């Protein structure tokens, strides 16, 4: 893909903050034709710049009263084990997101559960019961916020 220009970066900045905006509204904010805007967004998707768009759900409104992060250390550690854990956990409805990490822990998982008993059972059944899991540290999430500001990697910083 060619280098992103100022219009591409404006599109990304607006979509990063509000992926639900209509194409017509997006085009108006950038002052370009809707057809041009649609083509640019399509090109950004095809090039892999835009991977997906997500809905930010308030889990409490659907019964997810507790959110937690579990830090997991694996032993033994291999690509096959890492990939299998990822694939297995991503099938579970409690998993919000999963991060394969470098450092002290191999994975951090963000989960949402209905109550403390659900959390306890989930951690035992889905995580600590696995042979390759050496350590699990679970922490409660009191608040989760996401930045609406697109990181800027241009040289003008």
C-alpha atoms as a PDB file:
ATOM      1  CA  UNK A   1       0.000   0.000   0.000  1.00  0.00           C
ATOM      2  CA  UNK A   2       1.165   3.512  -0.712  1.00  0.00           C
ATOM      3  CA  UNK A   3       2.061   5.799   2.181  1.00  0.00           C
ATOM      4  CA  UNK A   4      -0.929   7.167   4.097  1.00  0.00           C
ATOM      5  CA  UNK A   5      -1.720  10.788   3.333  1.00  0.00           C
ATOM      6  CA  UNK A   6      -3.382  13.441   5.506  1.00  0.00           C
ATOM      7  CA  UNK A   7      -6.892  12.405   4.408  1.00  0.00           C
ATOM      8  CA  UNK A   8      -6.217   8.743   5.257  1.00  0.00           C
ATOM      9  CA  UNK A   9      -4.976   9.792   8.701  1.00  0.00           C
ATOM     10  CA  UNK A  10      -8.070  11.964   9.264  1.00  0.00           C
ATOM     11  CA  UNK A  11     -10.277   8.998   8.319  1.00  0.00           C
ATOM     12  CA  UNK A  12      -8.403   6.729  10.722  1.00  0.00           C
ATOM     13  CA  UNK A  13      -8.498   9.306  13.525  1.00  0.00           C
ATOM     14  CA  UNK A  14     -12.268   9.705  13.274  1.00  0.00           C
ATOM     15  CA  UNK A  15     -12.967   5.973  12.885  1.00  0.00           C
ATOM     16  CA  UNK A  16     -10.663   5.140  15.814  1.00  0.00           C
ATOM     17  CA  UNK A  17     -12.845   7.286  18.044  1.00  0.00           C
ATOM     18  CA  UNK A  18     -16.198   6.316  16.479  1.00  0.00           C
ATOM     19  CA  UNK A  19     -16.294   3.295  14.170  1.00  0.00           C
ATOM     20  CA  UNK A  20     -20.088   3.592  14.052  1.00  0.00           C
ATOM     21  CA  UNK A  21     -20.084   6.875  12.129  1.00  0.00           C
ATOM     22  CA  UNK A  22     -21.844   6.753   8.764  1.00  0.00           C
ATOM     23  CA  UNK A  23     -19.837   7.204   5.594  1.00  0.00           C
ATOM     24  CA  UNK A  24     -21.805  10.367   4.844  1.00  0.00           C
ATOM     25  CA  UNK A  25     -20.954  11.858   8.261  1.00  0.00           C
ATOM     26  CA  UNK A  26     -17.312  10.801   7.934  1.00  0.00           C
ATOM     27  CA  UNK A  27     -17.003  12.400   4.492  1.00  0.00           C
ATOM     28  CA  UNK A  28     -18.589  15.625   5.756  1.00  0.00           C
ATOM     29  CA  UNK A  29     -16.146  15.854   8.694  1.00  0.00           C
ATOM     30  CA  UNK A  30     -13.201  15.529   6.321  1.00  0.00           C
ATOM     31  CA  UNK A  31     -14.791  17.644   3.583  1.00  0.00           C
ATOM     32  CA  UNK A  32     -14.547  15.048   0.813  1.00  0.00           C
ATOM     33  CA  UNK A  33     -17.176  13.402  -1.366  1.00  0.00           C
ATOM     34  CA  UNK A  34     -18.912  10.370   0.195  1.00  0.00           C
ATOM     35  CA  UNK A  35     -17.880   8.207  -2.766  1.00  0.00           C
ATOM     36  CA  UNK A  36     -14.222   9.207  -2.286  1.00  0.00           C
ATOM     37  CA  UNK A  37     -14.479   8.504   1.424  1.00  0.00           C
ATOM     38  CA  UNK A  38     -16.019   5.087   0.834  1.00  0.00           C
ATOM     39  CA  UNK A  39     -13.257   4.147  -1.622  1.00  0.00           C
ATOM     40  CA  UNK A  40     -10.541   5.277   0.792  1.00  0.00           C
ATOM     41  CA  UNK A  41     -12.020   3.291   3.690  1.00  0.00           C
ATOM     42  CA  UNK A  42     -12.341   0.270   1.400  1.00  0.00           C
ATOM     43  CA  UNK A  43      -8.677   0.652   0.373  1.00  0.00           C
ATOM     44  CA  UNK A  44      -7.598   0.958   4.025  1.00  0.00           C
ATOM     45  CA  UNK A  45      -9.470  -2.271   4.828  1.00  0.00           C
ATOM     46  CA  UNK A  46      -8.023  -4.143   1.841  1.00  0.00           C
ATOM     47  CA  UNK A  47      -4.512  -3.036   2.794  1.00  0.00           C
ATOM     48  CA  UNK A  48      -4.996  -4.317   6.353  1.00  0.00           C
ATOM     49  CA  UNK A  49      -4.687  -0.862   7.930  1.00  0.00           C
ATOM     50  CA  UNK A  50      -8.242  -1.204   9.250  1.00  0.00           C
ATOM     51  CA  UNK A  51      -8.583  -4.746  10.574  1.00  0.00           C
ATOM     52  CA  UNK A  52     -12.049  -4.704  12.161  1.00  0.00           C
ATOM     53  CA  UNK A  53     -14.550  -2.468  13.935  1.00  0.00           C
ATOM     54  CA  UNK A  54     -15.916  -3.342  17.350  1.00  0.00           C
ATOM     55  CA  UNK A  55     -18.867  -2.445  19.536  1.00  0.00           C
ATOM     56  CA  UNK A  56     -17.903  -1.383  23.063  1.00  0.00           C
ATOM     57  CA  UNK A  57     -20.419  -3.189  25.271  1.00  0.00           C
ATOM     58  CA  UNK A  58     -21.160  -2.392  28.892  1.00  0.00           C
ATOM     59  CA  UNK A  59     -20.926  -5.971  30.197  1.00  0.00           C
ATOM     60  CA  UNK A  60     -22.847  -5.134  33.387  1.00  0.00           C
ATOM     61  CA  UNK A  61     -25.982  -4.537  31.296  1.00  0.00           C
ATOM     62  CA  UNK A  62     -25.870  -8.157  30.082  1.00  0.00           C
ATOM     63  CA  UNK A  63     -24.905  -9.812  33.389  1.00  0.00           C
ATOM     64  CA  UNK A  64     -21.106  -9.459  33.383  1.00  0.00           C
ATOM     65  CA  UNK A  65     -20.887  -7.915  36.838  1.00  0.00           C
ATOM     66  CA  UNK A  66     -17.187  -8.661  37.351  1.00  0.00           C
ATOM     67  CA  UNK A  67     -14.286  -8.060  35.009  1.00  0.00           C
ATOM     68  CA  UNK A  68     -10.863  -9.488  35.769  1.00  0.00           C
ATOM     69  CA  UNK A  69      -7.414  -9.860  34.280  1.00  0.00           C
ATOM     70  CA  UNK A  70      -5.531 -13.124  34.671  1.00  0.00           C
ATOM     71  CA  UNK A  71      -1.773 -13.206  34.170  1.00  0.00           C
ATOM     72  CA  UNK A  72      -0.676 -16.676  33.021  1.00  0.00           C
ATOM     73  CA  UNK A  73       2.767 -18.242  32.937  1.00  0.00           C
ATOM     74  CA  UNK A  74       3.207 -21.393  30.842  1.00  0.00           C
ATOM     75  CA  UNK A  75       5.655 -24.249  31.317  1.00  0.00           C
ATOM     76  CA  UNK A  76       6.702 -25.814  29.027  1.00  0.00           C
ATOM     77  CA  UNK A  77       6.636 -22.960  26.549  1.00  0.00           C
ATOM     78  CA  UNK A  78       6.402 -23.637  22.830  1.00  0.00           C
ATOM     79  CA  UNK A  79       4.641 -22.126  19.836  1.00  0.00           C
ATOM     80  CA  UNK A  80       2.250 -25.070  19.734  1.00  0.00           C
ATOM     81  CA  UNK A  81       1.300 -24.684  23.416  1.00  0.00           C
ATOM     82  CA  UNK A  82       0.918 -20.905  23.126  1.00  0.00           C
ATOM     83  CA  UNK A  83      -1.269 -21.181  20.030  1.00  0.00           C
ATOM     84  CA  UNK A  84      -3.416 -23.964  21.485  1.00  0.00           C
ATOM     85  CA  UNK A  85      -4.088 -21.993  24.673  1.00  0.00           C
ATOM     86  CA  UNK A  86      -5.046 -18.938  22.589  1.00  0.00           C
ATOM     87  CA  UNK A  87      -7.348 -20.942  20.320  1.00  0.00           C
ATOM     88  CA  UNK A  88      -9.037 -22.724  23.231  1.00  0.00           C
ATOM     89  CA  UNK A  89      -9.590 -19.614  25.336  1.00  0.00           C
ATOM     90  CA  UNK A  90     -10.940 -17.499  22.483  1.00  0.00           C
ATOM     91  CA  UNK A  91     -13.837 -19.962  22.146  1.00  0.00           C
ATOM     92  CA  UNK A  92     -15.057 -19.203  25.677  1.00  0.00           C
ATOM     93  CA  UNK A  93     -17.762 -16.538  26.179  1.00  0.00           C
ATOM     94  CA  UNK A  94     -16.071 -15.162  29.317  1.00  0.00           C
ATOM     95  CA  UNK A  95     -13.023 -14.008  27.346  1.00  0.00           C
ATOM     96  CA  UNK A  96     -13.103 -10.340  26.323  1.00  0.00           C
ATOM     97  CA  UNK A  97      -9.542 -10.140  25.002  1.00  0.00           C
ATOM     98  CA  UNK A  98      -6.297 -12.017  25.167  1.00  0.00           C
ATOM     99  CA  UNK A  99      -2.722 -10.713  24.999  1.00  0.00           C
ATOM    100  CA  UNK A 100       0.316 -12.878  24.228  1.00  0.00           C
ATOM    101  CA  UNK A 101       3.136 -11.128  26.060  1.00  0.00           C
ATOM    102  CA  UNK A 102       6.863 -11.011  26.514  1.00  0.00           C
ATOM    103  CA  UNK A 103       8.141 -10.649  30.052  1.00  0.00           C
ATOM    104  CA  UNK A 104       7.229 -12.359  33.286  1.00  0.00           C
ATOM    105  CA  UNK A 105       3.865 -13.693  32.071  1.00  0.00           C
ATOM    106  CA  UNK A 106       3.040 -15.314  28.752  1.00  0.00           C
ATOM    107  CA  UNK A 107      -0.609 -14.270  28.552  1.00  0.00           C
ATOM    108  CA  UNK A 108      -2.895 -11.683  30.028  1.00  0.00           C
ATOM    109  CA  UNK A 109      -6.575 -12.427  29.584  1.00  0.00           C
ATOM    110  CA  UNK A 110      -9.395  -9.971  30.152  1.00  0.00           C
ATOM    111  CA  UNK A 111     -12.592 -11.709  31.170  1.00  0.00           C
ATOM    112  CA  UNK A 112     -16.112 -10.834  32.210  1.00  0.00           C
ATOM    113  CA  UNK A 113     -18.153 -13.067  34.522  1.00  0.00           C
ATOM    114  CA  UNK A 114     -21.439 -12.823  36.411  1.00  0.00           C
ATOM    115  CA  UNK A 115     -20.111 -13.113  39.983  1.00  0.00           C
ATOM    116  CA  UNK A 116     -17.190 -14.212  42.147  1.00  0.00           C
ATOM    117  CA  UNK A 117     -18.216 -17.872  42.055  1.00  0.00           C
ATOM    118  CA  UNK A 118     -18.337 -17.782  38.258  1.00  0.00           C
ATOM    119  CA  UNK A 119     -14.855 -16.211  38.258  1.00  0.00           C
ATOM    120  CA  UNK A 120     -13.489 -18.861  40.617  1.00  0.00           C
ATOM    121  CA  UNK A 121     -14.977 -21.730  38.616  1.00  0.00           C
ATOM    122  CA  UNK A 122     -13.866 -20.247  35.291  1.00  0.00           C
ATOM    123  CA  UNK A 123     -10.266 -19.764  36.425  1.00  0.00           C
ATOM    124  CA  UNK A 124     -10.121 -23.320  37.800  1.00  0.00           C
ATOM    125  CA  UNK A 125     -11.871 -25.037  34.900  1.00  0.00           C
ATOM    126  CA  UNK A 126     -10.499 -23.086  31.943  1.00  0.00           C
ATOM    127  CA  UNK A 127      -7.038 -22.086  33.131  1.00  0.00           C
ATOM    128  CA  UNK A 128      -5.443 -23.740  36.172  1.00  0.00           C
ATOM    129  CA  UNK A 129      -6.680 -27.191  35.177  1.00  0.00           C
ATOM    130  CA  UNK A 130      -4.455 -27.043  32.082  1.00  0.00           C
ATOM    131  CA  UNK A 131      -1.237 -29.010  32.371  1.00  0.00           C
ATOM    132  CA  UNK A 132       0.891 -26.289  30.747  1.00  0.00           C
ATOM    133  CA  UNK A 133      -0.274 -23.521  33.112  1.00  0.00           C
ATOM    134  CA  UNK A 134       2.376 -22.971  35.763  1.00  0.00           C
ATOM    135  CA  UNK A 135       1.098 -19.774  37.410  1.00  0.00           C
ATOM    136  CA  UNK A 136      -2.101 -17.722  37.348  1.00  0.00           C
ATOM    137  CA  UNK A 137      -2.564 -14.364  39.047  1.00  0.00           C
ATOM    138  CA  UNK A 138      -6.075 -12.947  38.850  1.00  0.00           C
ATOM    139  CA  UNK A 139      -6.845  -9.286  39.505  1.00  0.00           C
ATOM    140  CA  UNK A 140     -10.203  -7.522  39.515  1.00  0.00           C
ATOM    141  CA  UNK A 141     -10.823  -4.698  37.053  1.00  0.00           C
ATOM    142  CA  UNK A 142     -12.483  -1.710  38.723  1.00  0.00           C
ATOM    143  CA  UNK A 143     -12.687   0.388  35.570  1.00  0.00           C
ATOM    144  CA  UNK A 144     -11.810  -0.135  31.925  1.00  0.00           C
ATOM    145  CA  UNK A 145     -11.322   2.819  29.591  1.00  0.00           C
ATOM    146  CA  UNK A 146     -10.158   2.971  25.997  1.00  0.00           C
ATOM    147  CA  UNK A 147      -8.451   5.960  24.474  1.00  0.00           C
ATOM    148  CA  UNK A 148     -10.266   7.572  21.582  1.00  0.00           C
ATOM    149  CA  UNK A 149      -7.035   9.154  20.362  1.00  0.00           C
ATOM    150  CA  UNK A 150      -5.212   7.540  17.460  1.00  0.00           C
ATOM    151  CA  UNK A 151      -1.472   7.152  18.191  1.00  0.00           C
ATOM    152  CA  UNK A 152       0.620   9.473  16.031  1.00  0.00           C
ATOM    153  CA  UNK A 153       3.817   7.990  14.611  1.00  0.00           C
ATOM    154  CA  UNK A 154       4.742  10.737  12.172  1.00  0.00           C
ATOM    155  CA  UNK A 155       8.090  12.484  12.389  1.00  0.00           C
ATOM    156  CA  UNK A 156       6.453  15.836  13.224  1.00  0.00           C
ATOM    157  CA  UNK A 157       5.837  14.758  16.853  1.00  0.00           C
END
